[in-house]
Amino acid sequence: DAEGEWALAAARTKNAEAYKYPAPTISVVRYYHSRNKAFE
């Protein structure tokens, strides 16, 4: 600005914005002879 400027005092310590979070999924498959039973 007109009166001064911003100087780096300390750089960030990690070069990342996010981390990998475990999100396992389990898929459950059930079989039916009838479409109606399946939709239920």
PDB file of all heavy atoms in Angstrom:
ATOM      1  N   ASP A   1       0.863  -1.184   0.000  1.00  0.00           N
ATOM      2  CA  ASP A   1       0.000   0.000   0.000  1.00  0.00           C
ATOM      3  C   ASP A   1       0.901   1.236   0.000  1.00  0.00           C
ATOM      4  O   ASP A   1       2.129   1.127  -0.134  1.00  0.00           O
ATOM      5  CB  ASP A   1      -0.969  -0.006   1.191  1.00  0.00           C
ATOM      6  CG  ASP A   1      -0.262  -0.047   2.542  1.00  0.00           C
ATOM      7  OD1 ASP A   1       0.909   0.389   2.616  1.00  0.00           O
ATOM      8  OD2 ASP A   1      -0.877  -0.522   3.517  1.00  0.00           O
ATOM      9  N   ALA A   2       0.312   2.395   0.204  1.00  0.00           N
ATOM     10  CA  ALA A   2       1.086   3.642   0.094  1.00  0.00           C
ATOM     11  C   ALA A   2       2.123   3.788   1.200  1.00  0.00           C
ATOM     12  O   ALA A   2       3.116   4.510   1.045  1.00  0.00           O
ATOM     13  CB  ALA A   2       0.134   4.836   0.108  1.00  0.00           C
ATOM     14  N   GLU A   3       1.916   3.092   2.328  1.00  0.00           N
ATOM     15  CA  GLU A   3       2.805   3.289   3.475  1.00  0.00           C
ATOM     16  C   GLU A   3       3.841   2.185   3.649  1.00  0.00           C
ATOM     17  O   GLU A   3       4.806   2.348   4.403  1.00  0.00           O
ATOM     18  CB  GLU A   3       1.976   3.413   4.758  1.00  0.00           C
ATOM     19  CG  GLU A   3       1.051   4.625   4.758  1.00  0.00           C
ATOM     20  CD  GLU A   3       0.283   4.744   6.063  1.00  0.00           C
ATOM     21  OE1 GLU A   3       0.526   3.923   6.982  1.00  0.00           O
ATOM     22  OE2 GLU A   3      -0.550   5.655   6.158  1.00  0.00           O
ATOM     23  N   GLY A   4       3.625   1.052   2.992  1.00  0.00           N
ATOM     24  CA  GLY A   4       4.583  -0.034   3.185  1.00  0.00           C
ATOM     25  C   GLY A   4       4.216  -1.282   2.413  1.00  0.00           C
ATOM     26  O   GLY A   4       3.385  -1.242   1.491  1.00  0.00           O
ATOM     27  N   GLU A   5       4.813  -2.407   2.797  1.00  0.00           N
ATOM     28  CA  GLU A   5       4.577  -3.663   2.103  1.00  0.00           C
ATOM     29  C   GLU A   5       4.657  -4.840   3.075  1.00  0.00           C
ATOM     30  O   GLU A   5       5.143  -4.711   4.196  1.00  0.00           O
ATOM     31  CB  GLU A   5       5.597  -3.851   0.985  1.00  0.00           C
ATOM     32  CG  GLU A   5       7.034  -3.929   1.494  1.00  0.00           C
ATOM     33  CD  GLU A   5       8.039  -4.078   0.369  1.00  0.00           C
ATOM     34  OE1 GLU A   5       7.627  -4.061  -0.801  1.00  0.00           O
ATOM     35  OE2 GLU A   5       9.239  -4.211   0.687  1.00  0.00           O
ATOM     36  N   TRP A   6       4.176  -6.004   2.599  1.00  0.00           N
ATOM     37  CA  TRP A   6       4.197  -7.226   3.409  1.00  0.00           C
ATOM     38  C   TRP A   6       5.406  -8.063   3.004  1.00  0.00           C
ATOM     39  O   TRP A   6       5.592  -8.379   1.827  1.00  0.00           O
ATOM     40  CB  TRP A   6       2.920  -8.034   3.201  1.00  0.00           C
ATOM     41  CG  TRP A   6       1.697  -7.350   3.753  1.00  0.00           C
ATOM     42  CD1 TRP A   6       0.845  -6.539   3.085  1.00  0.00           C
ATOM     43  CD2 TRP A   6       1.236  -7.427   5.089  1.00  0.00           C
ATOM     44  NE1 TRP A   6      -0.142  -6.088   3.913  1.00  0.00           N
ATOM     45  CE2 TRP A   6       0.072  -6.621   5.166  1.00  0.00           C
ATOM     46  CE3 TRP A   6       1.674  -8.058   6.246  1.00  0.00           C
ATOM     47  CZ2 TRP A   6      -0.660  -6.453   6.334  1.00  0.00           C
ATOM     48  CZ3 TRP A   6       0.945  -7.900   7.430  1.00  0.00           C
ATOM     49  CH2 TRP A   6      -0.199  -7.110   7.467  1.00  0.00           C
ATOM     50  N   ALA A   7       6.215  -8.439   3.989  1.00  0.00           N
ATOM     51  CA  ALA A   7       7.404  -9.267   3.754  1.00  0.00           C
ATOM     52  C   ALA A   7       7.204 -10.642   4.392  1.00  0.00           C
ATOM     53  O   ALA A   7       6.574 -10.762   5.453  1.00  0.00           O
ATOM     54  CB  ALA A   7       8.644  -8.589   4.346  1.00  0.00           C
ATOM     55  N   LEU A   8       7.731 -11.669   3.760  1.00  0.00           N
ATOM     56  CA  LEU A   8       7.596 -13.032   4.274  1.00  0.00           C
ATOM     57  C   LEU A   8       8.369 -13.179   5.581  1.00  0.00           C
ATOM     58  O   LEU A   8       9.578 -12.956   5.626  1.00  0.00           O
ATOM     59  CB  LEU A   8       8.115 -14.034   3.244  1.00  0.00           C
ATOM     60  CG  LEU A   8       8.006 -15.520   3.626  1.00  0.00           C
ATOM     61  CD1 LEU A   8       6.542 -15.935   3.733  1.00  0.00           C
ATOM     62  CD2 LEU A   8       8.734 -16.392   2.600  1.00  0.00           C
ATOM     63  N   ALA A   9       7.640 -13.559   6.638  1.00  0.00           N
ATOM     64  CA  ALA A   9       8.274 -13.787   7.938  1.00  0.00           C
ATOM     65  C   ALA A   9       8.575 -15.267   8.153  1.00  0.00           C
ATOM     66  O   ALA A   9       9.587 -15.624   8.759  1.00  0.00           O
ATOM     67  CB  ALA A   9       7.378 -13.267   9.058  1.00  0.00           C
ATOM     68  N   ALA A  10       7.676 -16.137   7.657  1.00  0.00           N
ATOM     69  CA  ALA A  10       7.873 -17.587   7.798  1.00  0.00           C
ATOM     70  C   ALA A  10       7.072 -18.290   6.715  1.00  0.00           C
ATOM     71  O   ALA A  10       5.864 -18.040   6.564  1.00  0.00           O
ATOM     72  CB  ALA A  10       7.445 -18.067   9.176  1.00  0.00           C
ATOM     73  N   ALA A  11       7.731 -19.159   5.962  1.00  0.00           N
ATOM     74  CA  ALA A  11       7.045 -19.914   4.910  1.00  0.00           C
ATOM     75  C   ALA A  11       6.264 -21.083   5.514  1.00  0.00           C
ATOM     76  O   ALA A  11       6.612 -21.597   6.588  1.00  0.00           O
ATOM     77  CB  ALA A  11       8.056 -20.427   3.888  1.00  0.00           C
ATOM     78  N   ARG A  12       5.215 -21.484   4.831  1.00  0.00           N
ATOM     79  CA  ARG A  12       4.427 -22.641   5.274  1.00  0.00           C
ATOM     80  C   ARG A  12       5.330 -23.866   5.429  1.00  0.00           C
ATOM     81  O   ARG A  12       6.331 -24.012   4.710  1.00  0.00           O
ATOM     82  CB  ARG A  12       3.291 -22.913   4.290  1.00  0.00           C
ATOM     83  CG  ARG A  12       3.726 -23.434   2.950  1.00  0.00           C
ATOM     84  CD  ARG A  12       2.619 -23.324   1.921  1.00  0.00           C
ATOM     85  NE  ARG A  12       2.413 -21.938   1.506  1.00  0.00           N
ATOM     86  CZ  ARG A  12       1.466 -21.548   0.645  1.00  0.00           C
ATOM     87  NH1 ARG A  12       0.632 -22.433   0.119  1.00  0.00           N
ATOM     88  NH2 ARG A  12       1.348 -20.278   0.328  1.00  0.00           N
ATOM     89  N   THR A  13       4.975 -24.746   6.328  1.00  0.00           N
ATOM     90  CA  THR A  13       5.835 -25.895   6.617  1.00  0.00           C
ATOM     91  C   THR A  13       5.420 -27.164   5.880  1.00  0.00           C
ATOM     92  O   THR A  13       6.167 -28.139   5.870  1.00  0.00           O
ATOM     93  CB  THR A  13       5.851 -26.182   8.132  1.00  0.00           C
ATOM     94  OG1 THR A  13       4.509 -26.437   8.579  1.00  0.00           O
ATOM     95  CG2 THR A  13       6.437 -25.000   8.894  1.00  0.00           C
ATOM     96  N   LYS A  14       4.243 -27.162   5.269  1.00  0.00           N
ATOM     97  CA  LYS A  14       3.801 -28.332   4.507  1.00  0.00           C
ATOM     98  C   LYS A  14       3.229 -27.870   3.166  1.00  0.00           C
ATOM     99  O   LYS A  14       2.415 -26.959   3.121  1.00  0.00           O
ATOM    100  CB  LYS A  14       2.737 -29.140   5.267  1.00  0.00           C
ATOM    101  CG  LYS A  14       3.239 -29.690   6.597  1.00  0.00           C
ATOM    102  CD  LYS A  14       2.189 -30.553   7.265  1.00  0.00           C
ATOM    103  CE  LYS A  14       2.627 -30.980   8.661  1.00  0.00           C
ATOM    104  NZ  LYS A  14       3.812 -31.851   8.638  1.00  0.00           N
ATOM    105  N   ASN A  15       3.631 -28.519   2.108  1.00  0.00           N
ATOM    106  CA  ASN A  15       3.163 -28.132   0.773  1.00  0.00           C
ATOM    107  C   ASN A  15       1.935 -28.969   0.413  1.00  0.00           C
ATOM    108  O   ASN A  15       1.963 -29.808  -0.490  1.00  0.00           O
ATOM    109  CB  ASN A  15       4.275 -28.335  -0.255  1.00  0.00           C
ATOM    110  CG  ASN A  15       3.911 -27.769  -1.609  1.00  0.00           C
ATOM    111  OD1 ASN A  15       3.109 -26.843  -1.707  1.00  0.00           O
ATOM    112  ND2 ASN A  15       4.486 -28.341  -2.664  1.00  0.00           N
ATOM    113  N   ALA A  16       0.856 -28.769   1.150  1.00  0.00           N
ATOM    114  CA  ALA A  16      -0.369 -29.552   0.924  1.00  0.00           C
ATOM    115  C   ALA A  16      -1.567 -28.778   1.447  1.00  0.00           C
ATOM    116  O   ALA A  16      -1.446 -27.951   2.359  1.00  0.00           O
ATOM    117  CB  ALA A  16      -0.281 -30.906   1.618  1.00  0.00           C
ATOM    118  N   GLU A  17      -2.718 -29.029   0.850  1.00  0.00           N
ATOM    119  CA  GLU A  17      -3.971 -28.425   1.290  1.00  0.00           C
ATOM    120  C   GLU A  17      -4.927 -29.469   1.855  1.00  0.00           C
ATOM    121  O   GLU A  17      -5.884 -29.150   2.540  1.00  0.00           O
ATOM    122  CB  GLU A  17      -4.660 -27.713   0.125  1.00  0.00           C
ATOM    123  CG  GLU A  17      -4.012 -26.409  -0.276  1.00  0.00           C
ATOM    124  CD  GLU A  17      -4.013 -25.407   0.861  1.00  0.00           C
ATOM    125  OE1 GLU A  17      -5.064 -25.221   1.496  1.00  0.00           O
ATOM    126  OE2 GLU A  17      -2.951 -24.823   1.137  1.00  0.00           O
ATOM    127  N   ALA A  18      -4.669 -30.740   1.545  1.00  0.00           N
ATOM    128  CA  ALA A  18      -5.578 -31.804   1.968  1.00  0.00           C
ATOM    129  C   ALA A  18      -4.766 -33.055   2.274  1.00  0.00           C
ATOM    130  O   ALA A  18      -3.591 -33.166   1.927  1.00  0.00           O
ATOM    131  CB  ALA A  18      -6.613 -32.084   0.880  1.00  0.00           C
ATOM    132  N   TYR A  19      -5.411 -33.988   2.939  1.00  0.00           N
ATOM    133  CA  TYR A  19      -4.780 -35.271   3.223  1.00  0.00           C
ATOM    134  C   TYR A  19      -5.738 -36.393   2.811  1.00  0.00           C
ATOM    135  O   TYR A  19      -6.951 -36.186   2.676  1.00  0.00           O
ATOM    136  CB  TYR A  19      -4.416 -35.395   4.704  1.00  0.00           C
ATOM    137  CG  TYR A  19      -5.597 -35.428   5.652  1.00  0.00           C
ATOM    138  CD1 TYR A  19      -6.082 -36.633   6.156  1.00  0.00           C
ATOM    139  CD2 TYR A  19      -6.245 -34.257   6.047  1.00  0.00           C
ATOM    140  CE1 TYR A  19      -7.159 -36.669   7.033  1.00  0.00           C
ATOM    141  CE2 TYR A  19      -7.317 -34.275   6.914  1.00  0.00           C
ATOM    142  CZ  TYR A  19      -7.768 -35.493   7.404  1.00  0.00           C
ATOM    143  OH  TYR A  19      -8.846 -35.527   8.254  1.00  0.00           O
ATOM    144  N   LYS A  20      -5.180 -37.575   2.582  1.00  0.00           N
ATOM    145  CA  LYS A  20      -5.989 -38.716   2.182  1.00  0.00           C
ATOM    146  C   LYS A  20      -6.645 -39.343   3.413  1.00  0.00           C
ATOM    147  O   LYS A  20      -5.967 -39.759   4.345  1.00  0.00           O
ATOM    148  CB  LYS A  20      -5.129 -39.767   1.477  1.00  0.00           C
ATOM    149  CG  LYS A  20      -4.544 -39.299   0.157  1.00  0.00           C
ATOM    150  CD  LYS A  20      -5.624 -39.056  -0.886  1.00  0.00           C
ATOM    151  CE  LYS A  20      -5.037 -38.662  -2.228  1.00  0.00           C
ATOM    152  NZ  LYS A  20      -6.077 -38.337  -3.225  1.00  0.00           N
ATOM    153  N   TYR A  21      -7.953 -39.374   3.386  1.00  0.00           N
ATOM    154  CA  TYR A  21      -8.717 -39.910   4.513  1.00  0.00           C
ATOM    155  C   TYR A  21      -9.298 -41.260   4.111  1.00  0.00           C
ATOM    156  O   TYR A  21      -9.961 -41.373   3.077  1.00  0.00           O
ATOM    157  CB  TYR A  21      -9.840 -38.938   4.869  1.00  0.00           C
ATOM    158  CG  TYR A  21     -10.696 -39.359   6.043  1.00  0.00           C
ATOM    159  CD1 TYR A  21     -10.223 -39.206   7.343  1.00  0.00           C
ATOM    160  CD2 TYR A  21     -11.956 -39.894   5.849  1.00  0.00           C
ATOM    161  CE1 TYR A  21     -11.008 -39.572   8.426  1.00  0.00           C
ATOM    162  CE2 TYR A  21     -12.741 -40.273   6.928  1.00  0.00           C
ATOM    163  CZ  TYR A  21     -12.261 -40.102   8.215  1.00  0.00           C
ATOM    164  OH  TYR A  21     -13.038 -40.477   9.280  1.00  0.00           O
ATOM    165  N   PRO A  22      -9.045 -42.320   4.885  1.00  0.00           N
ATOM    166  CA  PRO A  22      -9.576 -43.641   4.522  1.00  0.00           C
ATOM    167  C   PRO A  22     -11.100 -43.619   4.451  1.00  0.00           C
ATOM    168  O   PRO A  22     -11.768 -43.162   5.376  1.00  0.00           O
ATOM    169  CB  PRO A  22      -9.096 -44.542   5.667  1.00  0.00           C
ATOM    170  CG  PRO A  22      -7.942 -43.815   6.280  1.00  0.00           C
ATOM    171  CD  PRO A  22      -8.261 -42.349   6.131  1.00  0.00           C
ATOM    172  N   ALA A  23     -11.637 -44.088   3.338  1.00  0.00           N
ATOM    173  CA  ALA A  23     -13.094 -44.147   3.162  1.00  0.00           C
ATOM    174  C   ALA A  23     -13.463 -45.455   2.467  1.00  0.00           C
ATOM    175  O   ALA A  23     -14.015 -45.445   1.367  1.00  0.00           O
ATOM    176  CB  ALA A  23     -13.579 -42.943   2.356  1.00  0.00           C
ATOM    177  N   PRO A  24     -13.152 -46.588   3.105  1.00  0.00           N
ATOM    178  CA  PRO A  24     -13.478 -47.874   2.474  1.00  0.00           C
ATOM    179  C   PRO A  24     -14.981 -48.034   2.311  1.00  0.00           C
ATOM    180  O   PRO A  24     -15.771 -47.491   3.092  1.00  0.00           O
ATOM    181  CB  PRO A  24     -12.913 -48.906   3.452  1.00  0.00           C
ATOM    182  CG  PRO A  24     -12.855 -48.195   4.765  1.00  0.00           C
ATOM    183  CD  PRO A  24     -12.561 -46.763   4.449  1.00  0.00           C
ATOM    184  N   THR A  25     -15.364 -48.760   1.296  1.00  0.00           N
ATOM    185  CA  THR A  25     -16.777 -49.044   1.071  1.00  0.00           C
ATOM    186  C   THR A  25     -16.997 -50.547   1.051  1.00  0.00           C
ATOM    187  O   THR A  25     -16.135 -51.304   0.601  1.00  0.00           O
ATOM    188  CB  THR A  25     -17.279 -48.448  -0.261  1.00  0.00           C
ATOM    189  OG1 THR A  25     -16.554 -49.044  -1.341  1.00  0.00           O
ATOM    190  CG2 THR A  25     -17.093 -46.945  -0.287  1.00  0.00           C
ATOM    191  N   ILE A  26     -18.133 -50.958   1.562  1.00  0.00           N
ATOM    192  CA  ILE A  26     -18.550 -52.357   1.458  1.00  0.00           C
ATOM    193  C   ILE A  26     -19.830 -52.388   0.635  1.00  0.00           C
ATOM    194  O   ILE A  26     -20.805 -51.684   0.939  1.00  0.00           O
ATOM    195  CB  ILE A  26     -18.760 -52.997   2.831  1.00  0.00           C
ATOM    196  CG1 ILE A  26     -17.400 -53.201   3.510  1.00  0.00           C
ATOM    197  CG2 ILE A  26     -19.492 -54.337   2.714  1.00  0.00           C
ATOM    198  CD1 ILE A  26     -17.456 -53.870   4.861  1.00  0.00           C
ATOM    199  N   SER A  27     -19.788 -53.172  -0.414  1.00  0.00           N
ATOM    200  CA  SER A  27     -20.936 -53.322  -1.303  1.00  0.00           C
ATOM    201  C   SER A  27     -21.636 -54.636  -0.975  1.00  0.00           C
ATOM    202  O   SER A  27     -21.004 -55.692  -0.955  1.00  0.00           O
ATOM    203  CB  SER A  27     -20.464 -53.315  -2.763  1.00  0.00           C
ATOM    204  OG  SER A  27     -21.545 -53.587  -3.626  1.00  0.00           O
ATOM    205  N   VAL A  28     -22.922 -54.549  -0.700  1.00  0.00           N
ATOM    206  CA  VAL A  28     -23.718 -55.728  -0.344  1.00  0.00           C
ATOM    207  C   VAL A  28     -24.670 -56.024  -1.497  1.00  0.00           C
ATOM    208  O   VAL A  28     -25.512 -55.195  -1.850  1.00  0.00           O
ATOM    209  CB  VAL A  28     -24.517 -55.481   0.953  1.00  0.00           C
ATOM    210  CG1 VAL A  28     -25.296 -56.736   1.338  1.00  0.00           C
ATOM    211  CG2 VAL A  28     -23.588 -55.055   2.082  1.00  0.00           C
ATOM    212  N   VAL A  29     -24.521 -57.207  -2.090  1.00  0.00           N
ATOM    213  CA  VAL A  29     -25.364 -57.605  -3.221  1.00  0.00           C
ATOM    214  C   VAL A  29     -26.274 -58.745  -2.764  1.00  0.00           C
ATOM    215  O   VAL A  29     -25.795 -59.786  -2.308  1.00  0.00           O
ATOM    216  CB  VAL A  29     -24.521 -58.060  -4.428  1.00  0.00           C
ATOM    217  CG1 VAL A  29     -25.434 -58.381  -5.615  1.00  0.00           C
ATOM    218  CG2 VAL A  29     -23.509 -56.990  -4.813  1.00  0.00           C
ATOM    219  N   ARG A  30     -27.578 -58.540  -2.876  1.00  0.00           N
ATOM    220  CA  ARG A  30     -28.566 -59.579  -2.538  1.00  0.00           C
ATOM    221  C   ARG A  30     -29.337 -59.952  -3.803  1.00  0.00           C
ATOM    222  O   ARG A  30     -29.721 -59.085  -4.579  1.00  0.00           O
ATOM    223  CB  ARG A  30     -29.528 -59.084  -1.452  1.00  0.00           C
ATOM    224  CG  ARG A  30     -28.848 -58.774  -0.130  1.00  0.00           C
ATOM    225  CD  ARG A  30     -29.863 -58.420   0.955  1.00  0.00           C
ATOM    226  NE  ARG A  30     -29.226 -57.964   2.173  1.00  0.00           N
ATOM    227  CZ  ARG A  30     -28.764 -58.768   3.118  1.00  0.00           C
ATOM    228  NH1 ARG A  30     -28.897 -60.076   2.983  1.00  0.00           N
ATOM    229  NH2 ARG A  30     -28.190 -58.278   4.201  1.00  0.00           N
ATOM    230  N   TYR A  31     -29.589 -61.249  -3.966  1.00  0.00           N
ATOM    231  CA  TYR A  31     -30.231 -61.763  -5.171  1.00  0.00           C
ATOM    232  C   TYR A  31     -31.671 -62.209  -4.882  1.00  0.00           C
ATOM    233  O   TYR A  31     -31.955 -62.804  -3.836  1.00  0.00           O
ATOM    234  CB  TYR A  31     -29.436 -62.944  -5.734  1.00  0.00           C
ATOM    235  CG  TYR A  31     -28.069 -62.541  -6.238  1.00  0.00           C
ATOM    236  CD1 TYR A  31     -26.943 -62.690  -5.430  1.00  0.00           C
ATOM    237  CD2 TYR A  31     -27.900 -61.986  -7.501  1.00  0.00           C
ATOM    238  CE1 TYR A  31     -25.689 -62.307  -5.877  1.00  0.00           C
ATOM    239  CE2 TYR A  31     -26.651 -61.591  -7.961  1.00  0.00           C
ATOM    240  CZ  TYR A  31     -25.555 -61.760  -7.141  1.00  0.00           C
ATOM    241  OH  TYR A  31     -24.316 -61.378  -7.585  1.00  0.00           O
ATOM    242  N   TYR A  32     -32.556 -61.907  -5.845  1.00  0.00           N
ATOM    243  CA  TYR A  32     -33.965 -62.293  -5.731  1.00  0.00           C
ATOM    244  C   TYR A  32     -34.475 -62.747  -7.094  1.00  0.00           C
ATOM    245  O   TYR A  32     -34.001 -62.284  -8.141  1.00  0.00           O
ATOM    246  CB  TYR A  32     -34.811 -61.116  -5.221  1.00  0.00           C
ATOM    247  CG  TYR A  32     -34.453 -60.691  -3.819  1.00  0.00           C
ATOM    248  CD1 TYR A  32     -33.484 -59.718  -3.592  1.00  0.00           C
ATOM    249  CD2 TYR A  32     -35.058 -61.290  -2.715  1.00  0.00           C
ATOM    250  CE1 TYR A  32     -33.124 -59.344  -2.300  1.00  0.00           C
ATOM    251  CE2 TYR A  32     -34.716 -60.918  -1.424  1.00  0.00           C
ATOM    252  CZ  TYR A  32     -33.743 -59.952  -1.224  1.00  0.00           C
ATOM    253  OH  TYR A  32     -33.394 -59.596   0.056  1.00  0.00           O
ATOM    254  N   HIS A  33     -35.452 -63.648  -7.047  1.00  0.00           N
ATOM    255  CA  HIS A  33     -36.086 -64.074  -8.288  1.00  0.00           C
ATOM    256  C   HIS A  33     -37.134 -63.065  -8.741  1.00  0.00           C
ATOM    257  O   HIS A  33     -37.440 -62.958  -9.920  1.00  0.00           O
ATOM    258  CB  HIS A  33     -36.744 -65.452  -8.100  1.00  0.00           C
ATOM    259  CG  HIS A  33     -35.752 -66.563  -7.880  1.00  0.00           C
ATOM    260  ND1 HIS A  33     -35.272 -66.888  -6.627  1.00  0.00           N
ATOM    261  CD2 HIS A  33     -35.140 -67.394  -8.759  1.00  0.00           C
ATOM    262  CE1 HIS A  33     -34.417 -67.895  -6.748  1.00  0.00           C
ATOM    263  NE2 HIS A  33     -34.312 -68.222  -8.016  1.00  0.00           N
ATOM    264  N   SER A  34     -37.692 -62.333  -7.764  1.00  0.00           N
ATOM    265  CA  SER A  34     -38.784 -61.402  -8.050  1.00  0.00           C
ATOM    266  C   SER A  34     -38.294 -59.956  -8.024  1.00  0.00           C
ATOM    267  O   SER A  34     -37.582 -59.546  -7.101  1.00  0.00           O
ATOM    268  CB  SER A  34     -39.900 -61.579  -7.008  1.00  0.00           C
ATOM    269  OG  SER A  34     -40.750 -60.461  -6.957  1.00  0.00           O
ATOM    270  N   ARG A  35     -38.688 -59.189  -9.037  1.00  0.00           N
ATOM    271  CA  ARG A  35     -38.335 -57.774  -9.060  1.00  0.00           C
ATOM    272  C   ARG A  35     -38.948 -57.051  -7.870  1.00  0.00           C
ATOM    273  O   ARG A  35     -38.301 -56.186  -7.263  1.00  0.00           O
ATOM    274  CB  ARG A  35     -38.805 -57.131 -10.367  1.00  0.00           C
ATOM    275  CG  ARG A  35     -38.456 -55.643 -10.461  1.00  0.00           C
ATOM    276  CD  ARG A  35     -38.874 -55.049 -11.783  1.00  0.00           C
ATOM    277  NE  ARG A  35     -40.319 -55.148 -11.988  1.00  0.00           N
ATOM    278  CZ  ARG A  35     -40.951 -54.707 -13.072  1.00  0.00           C
ATOM    279  NH1 ARG A  35     -40.260 -54.166 -14.054  1.00  0.00           N
ATOM    280  NH2 ARG A  35     -42.264 -54.830 -13.172  1.00  0.00           N
ATOM    281  N   ASN A  36     -40.180 -57.379  -7.517  1.00  0.00           N
ATOM    282  CA  ASN A  36     -40.840 -56.707  -6.405  1.00  0.00           C
ATOM    283  C   ASN A  36     -40.096 -56.927  -5.086  1.00  0.00           C
ATOM    284  O   ASN A  36     -39.921 -55.997  -4.287  1.00  0.00           O
ATOM    285  CB  ASN A  36     -42.285 -57.185  -6.273  1.00  0.00           C
ATOM    286  CG  ASN A  36     -43.161 -56.669  -7.405  1.00  0.00           C
ATOM    287  OD1 ASN A  36     -42.805 -55.716  -8.091  1.00  0.00           O
ATOM    288  ND2 ASN A  36     -44.300 -57.307  -7.617  1.00  0.00           N
ATOM    289  N   LYS A  37     -39.659 -58.171  -4.856  1.00  0.00           N
ATOM    290  CA  LYS A  37     -38.908 -58.452  -3.630  1.00  0.00           C
ATOM    291  C   LYS A  37     -37.608 -57.661  -3.603  1.00  0.00           C
ATOM    292  O   LYS A  37     -37.185 -57.172  -2.561  1.00  0.00           O
ATOM    293  CB  LYS A  37     -38.617 -59.947  -3.512  1.00  0.00           C
ATOM    294  CG  LYS A  37     -39.797 -60.788  -3.058  1.00  0.00           C
ATOM    295  CD  LYS A  37     -39.365 -62.224  -2.810  1.00  0.00           C
ATOM    296  CE  LYS A  37     -40.532 -63.060  -2.292  1.00  0.00           C
ATOM    297  NZ  LYS A  37     -40.125 -64.463  -2.042  1.00  0.00           N
ATOM    298  N   ALA A  38     -36.979 -57.547  -4.758  1.00  0.00           N
ATOM    299  CA  ALA A  38     -35.727 -56.800  -4.834  1.00  0.00           C
ATOM    300  C   ALA A  38     -35.953 -55.332  -4.501  1.00  0.00           C
ATOM    301  O   ALA A  38     -35.200 -54.733  -3.720  1.00  0.00           O
ATOM    302  CB  ALA A  38     -35.111 -56.956  -6.223  1.00  0.00           C
ATOM    303  N   PHE A  39     -37.000 -54.741  -5.080  1.00  0.00           N
ATOM    304  CA  PHE A  39     -37.252 -53.323  -4.835  1.00  0.00           C
ATOM    305  C   PHE A  39     -37.601 -53.058  -3.376  1.00  0.00           C
ATOM    306  O   PHE A  39     -37.351 -51.968  -2.863  1.00  0.00           O
ATOM    307  CB  PHE A  39     -38.361 -52.818  -5.753  1.00  0.00           C
ATOM    308  CG  PHE A  39     -37.842 -52.288  -7.068  1.00  0.00           C
ATOM    309  CD1 PHE A  39     -37.642 -53.140  -8.140  1.00  0.00           C
ATOM    310  CD2 PHE A  39     -37.520 -50.951  -7.223  1.00  0.00           C
ATOM    311  CE1 PHE A  39     -37.152 -52.675  -9.352  1.00  0.00           C
ATOM    312  CE2 PHE A  39     -37.032 -50.468  -8.423  1.00  0.00           C
ATOM    313  CZ  PHE A  39     -36.837 -51.331  -9.495  1.00  0.00           C
ATOM    314  N   GLU A  40     -38.170 -54.049  -2.694  1.00  0.00           N
ATOM    315  CA  GLU A  40     -38.485 -53.890  -1.274  1.00  0.00           C
ATOM    316  C   GLU A  40     -37.222 -53.739  -0.427  1.00  0.00           C
ATOM    317  O   GLU A  40     -37.275 -53.229   0.688  1.00  0.00           O
ATOM    318  CB  GLU A  40     -39.286 -55.092  -0.770  1.00  0.00           C
ATOM    319  CG  GLU A  40     -40.716 -55.146  -1.297  1.00  0.00           C
ATOM    320  CD  GLU A  40     -41.424 -56.436  -0.910  1.00  0.00           C
ATOM    321  OE1 GLU A  40     -40.795 -57.264  -0.200  1.00  0.00           O
ATOM    322  OE2 GLU A  40     -42.595 -56.624  -1.307  1.00  0.00           O
TER     323      GLU A  40
END
